[in-house]
């Protein structure tokens, strides 16, 4: 059983990385879409596809809310 805390730490680190990277990606692409204005939502421009992909990243491998719960439990908050 001595490996259990190490495995939990790895899962927590993975949750932190997944949450943080998808959050930053969404913030950056939100600013990019605002910079492009209405063109940012038109399918003819690559920023539109990037924005749609970023929105899905918060769902892949567990939602960001679940990642926050995993992190909070490891910190002893939940």
C-alpha atoms as a PDB file:
ATOM      1  CA  UNK A   1       0.000   0.000   0.000  1.00  0.00           C
ATOM      2  CA  UNK A   2       2.870   2.520   0.147  1.00  0.00           C
ATOM      3  CA  UNK A   3       2.376   3.395  -3.541  1.00  0.00           C
ATOM      4  CA  UNK A   4      -1.200   4.635  -3.023  1.00  0.00           C
ATOM      5  CA  UNK A   5      -0.263   8.214  -2.003  1.00  0.00           C
ATOM      6  CA  UNK A   6       2.060   8.433  -4.996  1.00  0.00           C
ATOM      7  CA  UNK A   7      -0.702   7.344  -7.383  1.00  0.00           C
ATOM      8  CA  UNK A   8      -3.114   9.849  -5.819  1.00  0.00           C
ATOM      9  CA  UNK A   9      -0.511  12.590  -6.250  1.00  0.00           C
ATOM     10  CA  UNK A  10      -0.065  11.673  -9.920  1.00  0.00           C
ATOM     11  CA  UNK A  11      -3.829  11.796 -10.504  1.00  0.00           C
ATOM     12  CA  UNK A  12      -3.994  15.157  -8.757  1.00  0.00           C
ATOM     13  CA  UNK A  13      -1.128  16.556 -10.816  1.00  0.00           C
ATOM     14  CA  UNK A  14      -2.812  15.334 -13.996  1.00  0.00           C
ATOM     15  CA  UNK A  15      -6.086  16.974 -12.911  1.00  0.00           C
ATOM     16  CA  UNK A  16      -4.269  20.246 -12.211  1.00  0.00           C
ATOM     17  CA  UNK A  17      -2.551  20.189 -15.598  1.00  0.00           C
ATOM     18  CA  UNK A  18      -5.759  19.325 -17.461  1.00  0.00           C
ATOM     19  CA  UNK A  19      -7.787  22.002 -15.691  1.00  0.00           C
ATOM     20  CA  UNK A  20      -5.171  24.734 -16.022  1.00  0.00           C
ATOM     21  CA  UNK A  21      -4.304  24.136 -19.683  1.00  0.00           C
ATOM     22  CA  UNK A  22      -7.913  23.944 -20.855  1.00  0.00           C
ATOM     23  CA  UNK A  23      -8.785  27.039 -18.801  1.00  0.00           C
ATOM     24  CA  UNK A  24      -5.909  29.057 -20.276  1.00  0.00           C
ATOM     25  CA  UNK A  25      -6.727  27.812 -23.782  1.00  0.00           C
ATOM     26  CA  UNK A  26     -10.321  29.002 -23.399  1.00  0.00           C
ATOM     27  CA  UNK A  27      -9.277  32.402 -22.060  1.00  0.00           C
ATOM     28  CA  UNK A  28      -6.777  32.978 -24.874  1.00  0.00           C
ATOM     29  CA  UNK A  29      -9.171  31.907 -27.605  1.00  0.00           C
ATOM     30  CA  UNK A  30     -11.937  34.021 -26.098  1.00  0.00           C
ATOM     31  CA  UNK A  31      -9.641  37.037 -26.438  1.00  0.00           C
ATOM     32  CA  UNK A  32      -8.736  35.994 -29.993  1.00  0.00           C
ATOM     33  CA  UNK A  33     -12.385  35.744 -31.009  1.00  0.00           C
ATOM     34  CA  UNK A  34     -13.025  39.174 -29.505  1.00  0.00           C
ATOM     35  CA  UNK A  35     -10.041  40.549 -31.403  1.00  0.00           C
ATOM     36  CA  UNK A  36     -11.424  39.205 -34.689  1.00  0.00           C
ATOM     37  CA  UNK A  37     -14.934  40.443 -33.906  1.00  0.00           C
ATOM     38  CA  UNK A  38     -17.703  38.852 -35.961  1.00  0.00           C
ATOM     39  CA  UNK A  39     -15.157  37.142 -38.202  1.00  0.00           C
ATOM     40  CA  UNK A  40     -14.167  35.010 -35.228  1.00  0.00           C
ATOM     41  CA  UNK A  41     -17.488  33.164 -35.482  1.00  0.00           C
ATOM     42  CA  UNK A  42     -17.468  32.616 -39.243  1.00  0.00           C
ATOM     43  CA  UNK A  43     -16.570  29.089 -40.352  1.00  0.00           C
ATOM     44  CA  UNK A  44     -14.303  30.433 -43.106  1.00  0.00           C
ATOM     45  CA  UNK A  45     -11.743  31.529 -40.520  1.00  0.00           C
ATOM     46  CA  UNK A  46      -9.535  29.112 -38.547  1.00  0.00           C
ATOM     47  CA  UNK A  47     -10.186  30.940 -35.276  1.00  0.00           C
ATOM     48  CA  UNK A  48     -13.787  29.670 -35.365  1.00  0.00           C
ATOM     49  CA  UNK A  49     -12.664  26.021 -35.414  1.00  0.00           C
ATOM     50  CA  UNK A  50     -10.066  26.685 -32.725  1.00  0.00           C
ATOM     51  CA  UNK A  51     -12.712  28.282 -30.511  1.00  0.00           C
ATOM     52  CA  UNK A  52     -15.024  25.277 -30.937  1.00  0.00           C
ATOM     53  CA  UNK A  53     -12.164  22.866 -30.168  1.00  0.00           C
ATOM     54  CA  UNK A  54     -11.274  24.813 -27.027  1.00  0.00           C
ATOM     55  CA  UNK A  55     -14.839  24.611 -25.757  1.00  0.00           C
ATOM     56  CA  UNK A  56     -14.756  20.818 -26.054  1.00  0.00           C
ATOM     57  CA  UNK A  57     -11.432  20.556 -24.179  1.00  0.00           C
ATOM     58  CA  UNK A  58     -13.204  21.362 -20.911  1.00  0.00           C
ATOM     59  CA  UNK A  59     -15.218  18.138 -21.375  1.00  0.00           C
ATOM     60  CA  UNK A  60     -12.605  15.620 -22.601  1.00  0.00           C
ATOM     61  CA  UNK A  61     -11.317  13.283 -19.881  1.00  0.00           C
ATOM     62  CA  UNK A  62     -13.695  14.782 -17.322  1.00  0.00           C
ATOM     63  CA  UNK A  63     -15.138  18.240 -16.992  1.00  0.00           C
ATOM     64  CA  UNK A  64     -13.131  21.020 -15.421  1.00  0.00           C
ATOM     65  CA  UNK A  65     -15.553  21.005 -12.484  1.00  0.00           C
ATOM     66  CA  UNK A  66     -14.665  17.372 -11.755  1.00  0.00           C
ATOM     67  CA  UNK A  67     -10.966  18.258 -11.994  1.00  0.00           C
ATOM     68  CA  UNK A  68     -11.548  20.966  -9.372  1.00  0.00           C
ATOM     69  CA  UNK A  69     -13.198  18.412  -7.071  1.00  0.00           C
ATOM     70  CA  UNK A  70     -10.236  16.030  -7.433  1.00  0.00           C
ATOM     71  CA  UNK A  71      -7.797  18.839  -6.640  1.00  0.00           C
ATOM     72  CA  UNK A  72      -9.874  20.044  -3.663  1.00  0.00           C
ATOM     73  CA  UNK A  73     -10.069  16.539  -2.164  1.00  0.00           C
ATOM     74  CA  UNK A  74      -6.313  16.143  -2.417  1.00  0.00           C
ATOM     75  CA  UNK A  75      -5.918  19.489  -0.645  1.00  0.00           C
ATOM     76  CA  UNK A  76      -8.261  18.279   2.098  1.00  0.00           C
ATOM     77  CA  UNK A  77     -11.031  20.718   1.198  1.00  0.00           C
ATOM     78  CA  UNK A  78     -13.694  18.299   0.103  1.00  0.00           C
END
